[in-house]
Amino acid sequence: MKVLIADKFPENHIQTLRDAGFEIIYEPKAGENDIPNVVKDAEFIVVRSTNVNAAAINAGSNLKIVIRAGSGYNNIDVAAATAKGVSVSNTPGKNSIAVAELAMGLIISLDRKIPDNVKDFSNGVWNKAKYSKAEGLFGKTLGIIGVGNIGKEIAKRAQAFGMKVIGYDVFKTEGIGIEYIDDVEKLISMADVITLHVPANPQTKGMFNDKLFGLMKQGAMLINTSRADVIDEDALIKAVKEKGIVAGVDVFKGEPEGKDGSVSSKLQNIEGIYVTHHIGASTEQAQDAVAEETVKIIVDYKNTGNVLHCVNKK
């Protein structure tokens, strides 16, 4: 059986697949438009952030499963896969700690303006008076919208900082020290810091708009390590400029598909907005866990015919 890996993947886990009898087609620099040309008769496609479109799925003459080595799967055309009888799978929960760590890093960075400190010092500017005015996180209220695997990990870390944690989710997990708020608008009005952990779908697209920004406290903080489409970027910019909102985002519209090169975004050079390079899941610990689960999905299918974590069960 053949496995096309169209993204960066740990070599030791590639070797595990080879040892299990799989033929590996390793194309870590393949882009969305390259996959149709290299998938051929592979039974599996494995990607992280690379898009798998309908053309790629239809080009796979023997394709059985498309695996998103990560928690989301909005970069895969699930409808096209389902129409062709191809399963789509992911690795939920395996990068939760990594994303939670970045979210907390963004919260701390915004509160203490760490990037601005470093930038000024590098430019020969000493501005201790400006940077000595952080409010601190202790006693602040963190509102988590989407209390799934990542949200729970953020809650643990926020609680360690002495923050009060409130959450909004359809499904509630008790015993984790979170006060659930059934009205998302009420949560937004209560929180000093809001962090978003919702999937990309028609219901969440543009959900954080002028109305919701209007409910935030003056000078409150917004963190988005989920999906770019969740935030109306024009509304964000307006809230930053008019309401003193500060934001840390790991995702943005128009994100380059490649791993290096130039980048352009309306969020650039706006004081009060920090943007990282979509690195939430990019720790060695997380990628090792994700790769291990990906291997498990492939091997289990070979041995049993079952598709672990299938998101489009037919």
Protein backbone atom coordinates (compact mmCIF):
# COMPACT_ATOMS: atom_id res chain seq x y z
CA MET A 1 0.00 0.00 0.00
CA LYS A 2 1.21 3.50 -0.87
CA VAL A 3 1.17 6.59 1.32
CA LEU A 4 1.60 10.07 -0.13
CA ILE A 5 2.90 12.43 2.55
CA ALA A 6 2.47 15.93 1.12
CA ASP A 7 3.85 17.90 4.03
CA LYS A 8 6.72 17.80 6.49
CA PHE A 9 6.63 14.62 8.58
CA PRO A 10 9.08 13.18 11.14
CA GLU A 11 11.56 10.76 9.56
CA ASN A 12 11.33 8.21 12.37
CA HIS A 13 7.59 7.85 11.77
CA ILE A 14 8.13 7.56 8.03
CA GLN A 15 10.51 4.70 8.78
CA THR A 16 7.88 3.08 10.99
CA LEU A 17 5.52 3.02 8.04
CA ARG A 18 8.22 1.58 5.77
CA ASP A 19 8.97 -1.11 8.35
CA ALA A 20 5.26 -1.95 8.37
CA GLY A 21 5.40 -2.60 4.62
CA PHE A 22 4.11 0.68 3.22
CA GLU A 23 5.60 2.41 0.19
CA ILE A 24 6.15 6.09 0.96
CA ILE A 25 5.90 8.93 -1.52
CA TYR A 26 7.39 11.84 0.41
CA GLU A 27 6.69 15.27 -1.08
CA PRO A 28 7.06 17.72 1.85
CA LYS A 29 7.05 20.79 -0.40
CA ALA A 30 4.02 19.78 -2.45
CA GLY A 31 1.38 22.47 -2.75
CA GLU A 32 -2.32 22.20 -3.36
CA ASN A 33 -1.90 22.10 -7.13
CA ASP A 34 0.92 19.54 -6.98
CA ILE A 35 -1.00 16.78 -5.22
CA PRO A 36 -3.12 15.76 -8.25
CA ASN A 37 0.10 15.08 -10.13
CA VAL A 38 1.77 12.94 -7.47
CA VAL A 39 -1.07 11.05 -5.78
CA LYS A 40 -1.44 8.50 -8.61
CA ASP A 41 -2.43 5.13 -7.08
CA ALA A 42 -1.68 5.94 -3.43
CA GLU A 43 -4.23 4.66 -0.92
CA PHE A 44 -3.47 7.42 1.60
CA ILE A 45 -2.80 11.15 1.47
CA VAL A 46 -1.30 12.73 4.59
CA VAL A 47 -1.13 16.52 5.01
CA ARG A 48 -0.76 19.09 7.75
CA SER A 49 -1.69 22.52 6.34
CA THR A 50 -1.58 21.75 2.61
CA ASN A 51 -4.98 21.92 0.93
CA VAL A 52 -6.43 18.74 -0.55
CA ASN A 53 -8.99 19.83 -3.13
CA ALA A 54 -11.46 17.94 -5.29
CA ALA A 55 -8.95 17.62 -8.12
CA ALA A 56 -6.47 15.89 -5.82
CA ILE A 57 -9.11 13.53 -4.47
CA ASN A 58 -10.45 12.67 -7.91
CA ALA A 59 -6.92 12.13 -9.24
CA GLY A 60 -6.29 9.36 -6.72
CA SER A 61 -7.23 6.22 -8.61
CA ASN A 62 -6.91 4.02 -5.52
CA LEU A 63 -7.43 6.59 -2.77
CA LYS A 64 -8.99 5.32 0.47
CA ILE A 65 -8.24 7.89 3.20
CA VAL A 66 -7.14 11.53 3.40
CA ILE A 67 -5.56 12.19 6.78
CA ARG A 68 -5.16 15.64 8.26
CA ALA A 69 -2.23 15.34 10.66
CA GLY A 70 -3.80 17.78 13.10
CA SER A 71 -7.08 18.54 14.80
CA GLY A 72 -8.99 20.47 12.13
CA TYR A 73 -9.77 19.37 8.59
CA ASN A 74 -11.04 22.51 6.85
CA ASN A 75 -8.13 22.27 4.38
CA ILE A 76 -9.63 19.08 2.96
CA ASP A 77 -12.58 19.02 0.55
CA VAL A 78 -14.69 16.66 2.66
CA ALA A 79 -17.67 16.85 0.31
CA ALA A 80 -15.57 15.74 -2.66
CA ALA A 81 -14.05 12.94 -0.61
CA THR A 82 -17.44 11.74 0.57
CA ALA A 83 -18.82 11.81 -2.96
CA LYS A 84 -15.99 9.54 -4.08
CA GLY A 85 -16.29 7.21 -1.10
CA VAL A 86 -13.00 8.39 0.40
CA SER A 87 -12.73 8.68 4.17
CA VAL A 88 -11.35 11.79 5.85
CA SER A 89 -9.62 11.42 9.19
CA ASN A 90 -7.72 13.62 11.64
CA THR A 91 -5.76 13.39 14.90
CA PRO A 92 -7.87 15.22 17.50
CA GLY A 93 -6.32 16.30 20.76
CA LYS A 94 -2.73 15.50 19.89
CA ASN A 95 -1.60 19.11 19.51
CA SER A 96 -3.78 20.61 22.25
CA ILE A 97 -0.97 21.34 24.69
CA ALA A 98 1.13 23.05 22.02
CA VAL A 99 -1.71 25.34 20.95
CA ALA A 100 -2.58 26.11 24.57
CA GLU A 101 1.05 27.05 25.26
CA LEU A 102 1.07 29.48 22.32
CA ALA A 103 -2.25 31.00 23.39
CA MET A 104 -0.87 31.64 26.87
CA GLY A 105 2.31 33.03 25.32
CA LEU A 106 0.25 35.49 23.30
CA ILE A 107 -1.73 36.51 26.38
CA ILE A 108 1.44 37.20 28.37
CA SER A 109 3.06 38.96 25.40
CA LEU A 110 0.10 41.29 24.95
CA ASP A 111 -0.11 42.10 28.64
CA ARG A 112 3.61 42.88 28.96
CA LYS A 113 4.11 44.05 25.34
CA ILE A 114 7.11 41.77 25.06
CA PRO A 115 7.57 41.99 21.26
CA ASP A 116 7.47 45.80 21.41
CA ASN A 117 10.02 45.80 24.23
CA VAL A 118 12.38 43.67 22.18
CA LYS A 119 11.84 45.67 18.98
CA ASP A 120 12.52 49.01 20.69
CA PHE A 121 15.65 47.72 22.37
CA SER A 122 16.94 46.34 19.05
CA ASN A 123 16.36 49.78 17.52
CA GLY A 124 18.23 51.53 20.32
CA VAL A 125 15.09 52.88 22.00
CA TRP A 126 14.79 52.82 25.81
CA ASN A 127 11.15 53.18 26.86
CA LYS A 128 10.83 51.81 30.37
CA ALA A 129 8.10 54.31 31.30
CA LYS A 130 5.83 52.99 28.55
CA TYR A 131 6.45 49.31 29.24
CA SER A 132 6.08 49.53 33.01
CA LYS A 133 2.30 49.90 32.77
CA ALA A 134 1.13 46.30 32.33
CA GLU A 135 -2.00 45.40 34.27
CA GLY A 136 -1.03 41.79 35.03
CA LEU A 137 -3.11 38.64 34.63
CA PHE A 138 -3.77 37.64 38.24
CA GLY A 139 -7.46 37.94 39.07
CA LYS A 140 -8.47 38.64 35.47
CA THR A 141 -11.30 36.70 33.81
CA LEU A 142 -10.47 34.47 30.86
CA GLY A 143 -13.39 33.58 28.59
CA ILE A 144 -12.94 30.44 26.49
CA ILE A 145 -15.25 30.07 23.51
CA GLY A 146 -15.04 26.39 22.60
CA VAL A 147 -14.05 24.31 25.63
CA GLY A 148 -12.69 21.30 23.77
CA ASN A 149 -9.29 19.65 24.12
CA ILE A 150 -7.38 22.90 23.59
CA GLY A 151 -9.73 25.00 25.69
CA LYS A 152 -9.32 22.65 28.64
CA GLU A 153 -5.53 22.86 28.42
CA ILE A 154 -5.66 26.66 28.34
CA ALA A 155 -7.94 26.63 31.36
CA LYS A 156 -5.35 24.70 33.38
CA ARG A 157 -2.62 27.18 32.49
CA ALA A 158 -4.76 30.25 33.11
CA GLN A 159 -5.79 28.91 36.50
CA ALA A 160 -2.11 28.49 37.38
CA PHE A 161 -1.74 32.23 36.70
CA GLY A 162 -4.56 32.96 39.14
CA MET A 163 -7.12 33.80 36.47
CA LYS A 164 -10.84 33.11 36.77
CA VAL A 165 -11.95 30.94 33.86
CA ILE A 166 -15.39 31.02 32.26
CA GLY A 167 -16.39 29.07 29.18
CA TYR A 168 -19.02 28.73 26.48
CA ASP A 169 -19.65 25.39 24.77
CA VAL A 170 -22.61 23.26 23.77
CA PHE A 171 -20.97 20.29 25.50
CA LYS A 172 -19.94 20.84 29.11
CA THR A 173 -17.24 18.99 31.00
CA GLU A 174 -17.68 19.23 34.73
CA GLY A 175 -14.96 19.16 37.36
CA ILE A 176 -12.37 21.22 35.48
CA GLY A 177 -12.79 24.50 37.34
CA ILE A 178 -14.65 26.32 34.57
CA GLU A 179 -17.83 28.29 35.13
CA TYR A 180 -19.98 27.75 32.05
CA ILE A 181 -21.90 30.69 30.64
CA ASP A 182 -24.81 29.66 28.40
CA ASP A 183 -24.93 32.98 26.53
CA VAL A 184 -21.83 33.72 24.44
CA GLU A 185 -22.62 37.44 24.37
CA LYS A 186 -22.76 37.52 28.16
CA LEU A 187 -19.40 35.72 28.35
CA ILE A 188 -17.83 38.28 26.00
CA SER A 189 -19.08 41.15 28.13
CA MET A 190 -17.67 39.54 31.30
CA ALA A 191 -14.19 38.56 30.11
CA ASP A 192 -10.95 40.53 30.26
CA VAL A 193 -9.36 38.03 27.88
CA ILE A 194 -11.23 35.99 25.25
CA THR A 195 -9.69 33.03 23.47
CA LEU A 196 -11.36 31.33 20.48
CA HIS A 197 -11.29 27.58 19.88
CA VAL A 198 -14.05 26.79 17.42
CA PRO A 199 -13.99 24.94 14.09
CA ALA A 200 -14.32 26.64 10.74
CA ASN A 201 -17.81 26.11 9.38
CA PRO A 202 -20.71 28.19 8.01
CA GLN A 203 -21.94 28.87 11.55
CA THR A 204 -18.62 30.27 12.80
CA LYS A 205 -17.52 32.17 9.69
CA GLY A 206 -17.21 35.83 10.61
CA MET A 207 -18.80 35.15 14.01
CA PHE A 208 -16.58 37.68 15.76
CA ASN A 209 -17.95 40.78 14.07
CA ASP A 210 -18.71 44.41 14.95
CA LYS A 211 -21.49 43.34 17.29
CA LEU A 212 -19.34 41.00 19.37
CA PHE A 213 -16.39 43.39 19.44
CA GLY A 214 -18.84 45.99 20.68
CA LEU A 215 -19.63 43.78 23.68
CA MET A 216 -16.00 43.46 24.75
CA LYS A 217 -14.65 45.51 27.63
CA GLN A 218 -12.59 48.58 26.76
CA GLY A 219 -8.99 47.43 26.33
CA ALA A 220 -9.86 43.73 26.54
CA MET A 221 -7.79 41.07 24.84
CA LEU A 222 -8.72 38.65 22.03
CA ILE A 223 -6.75 35.53 21.15
CA ASN A 224 -7.38 33.44 18.03
CA THR A 225 -5.42 30.25 17.48
CA SER A 226 -8.30 28.47 15.75
CA ARG A 227 -9.22 29.53 12.20
CA ALA A 228 -8.89 32.83 10.35
CA ASP A 229 -12.48 32.88 9.08
CA VAL A 230 -13.82 33.11 12.63
CA ILE A 231 -12.83 36.79 12.87
CA ASP A 232 -13.99 39.69 10.70
CA GLU A 233 -10.59 41.33 10.28
CA ASP A 234 -12.03 44.75 9.39
CA ALA A 235 -14.08 44.67 12.59
CA LEU A 236 -10.97 43.66 14.53
CA ILE A 237 -8.95 46.57 13.20
CA LYS A 238 -11.79 48.96 13.99
CA ALA A 239 -12.05 47.62 17.57
CA VAL A 240 -8.30 47.96 18.11
CA LYS A 241 -8.24 51.54 16.89
CA GLU A 242 -11.48 52.74 18.47
CA LYS A 243 -11.85 50.63 21.60
CA GLY A 244 -8.29 49.83 22.62
CA ILE A 245 -8.80 46.11 22.08
CA VAL A 246 -5.55 44.17 21.75
CA ALA A 247 -5.28 40.91 19.85
CA GLY A 248 -2.93 37.99 19.37
CA VAL A 249 -3.68 35.78 16.36
CA ASP A 250 -1.91 32.77 14.92
CA VAL A 251 -4.11 32.65 11.82
CA PHE A 252 -5.12 35.29 9.29
CA LYS A 253 -6.78 35.60 5.90
CA GLY A 254 -4.54 35.14 2.89
CA GLU A 255 -1.97 33.09 4.78
CA PRO A 256 0.74 31.87 2.36
CA GLU A 257 0.60 28.19 1.49
CA GLY A 258 4.39 27.83 1.51
CA LYS A 259 6.65 27.63 4.52
CA ASP A 260 8.73 30.72 3.66
CA GLY A 261 8.69 33.77 1.40
CA SER A 262 6.84 37.08 1.52
CA VAL A 263 3.57 37.81 3.27
CA SER A 264 0.96 40.54 3.07
CA SER A 265 -1.95 41.15 5.43
CA LYS A 266 -4.16 44.05 6.49
CA LEU A 267 -3.15 43.15 10.06
CA GLN A 268 0.46 44.19 9.51
CA ASN A 269 1.91 47.22 11.34
CA ILE A 270 -1.14 47.84 13.50
CA GLU A 271 -0.23 48.64 17.08
CA GLY A 272 -2.12 46.32 19.38
CA ILE A 273 -2.16 43.30 17.06
CA TYR A 274 0.44 40.53 17.26
CA VAL A 275 0.44 37.93 14.49
CA THR A 276 2.42 34.69 14.65
CA HIS A 277 3.17 32.37 11.75
CA HIS A 278 0.43 29.73 12.26
CA ILE A 279 2.71 27.82 14.60
CA GLY A 280 0.21 26.78 17.27
CA ALA A 281 0.75 23.06 16.74
CA SER A 282 4.37 23.37 15.70
CA THR A 283 6.32 21.99 18.61
CA GLU A 284 8.37 18.82 18.28
CA GLN A 285 6.33 17.26 21.08
CA ALA A 286 3.05 17.95 19.31
CA GLN A 287 4.24 16.91 15.88
CA ASP A 288 5.59 13.66 17.26
CA ALA A 289 2.25 12.90 18.91
CA VAL A 290 0.34 13.83 15.74
CA ALA A 291 2.63 11.72 13.56
CA GLU A 292 2.31 8.75 15.90
CA GLU A 293 -1.48 8.96 15.69
CA THR A 294 -1.32 9.31 11.90
CA VAL A 295 0.75 6.13 11.67
CA LYS A 296 -1.79 4.40 13.92
CA ILE A 297 -4.63 5.39 11.58
CA ILE A 298 -2.80 4.01 8.55
CA VAL A 299 -1.67 0.76 10.17
CA ASP A 300 -5.05 0.14 11.76
CA TYR A 301 -6.77 0.52 8.40
CA LYS A 302 -4.38 -1.96 6.82
CA ASN A 303 -4.96 -4.49 9.61
CA THR A 304 -8.69 -4.07 10.25
CA GLY A 305 -10.24 -1.93 7.52
CA ASN A 306 -11.44 0.51 10.17
CA VAL A 307 -10.87 4.27 9.85
CA LEU A 308 -9.96 5.84 13.18
CA HIS A 309 -11.29 9.39 13.80
CA CYS A 310 -13.28 9.36 10.55
CA VAL A 311 -15.12 12.66 10.17
CA ASN A 312 -17.32 11.70 7.21
CA LYS A 313 -18.68 8.30 8.20
CA LYS A 314 -20.86 7.01 5.40
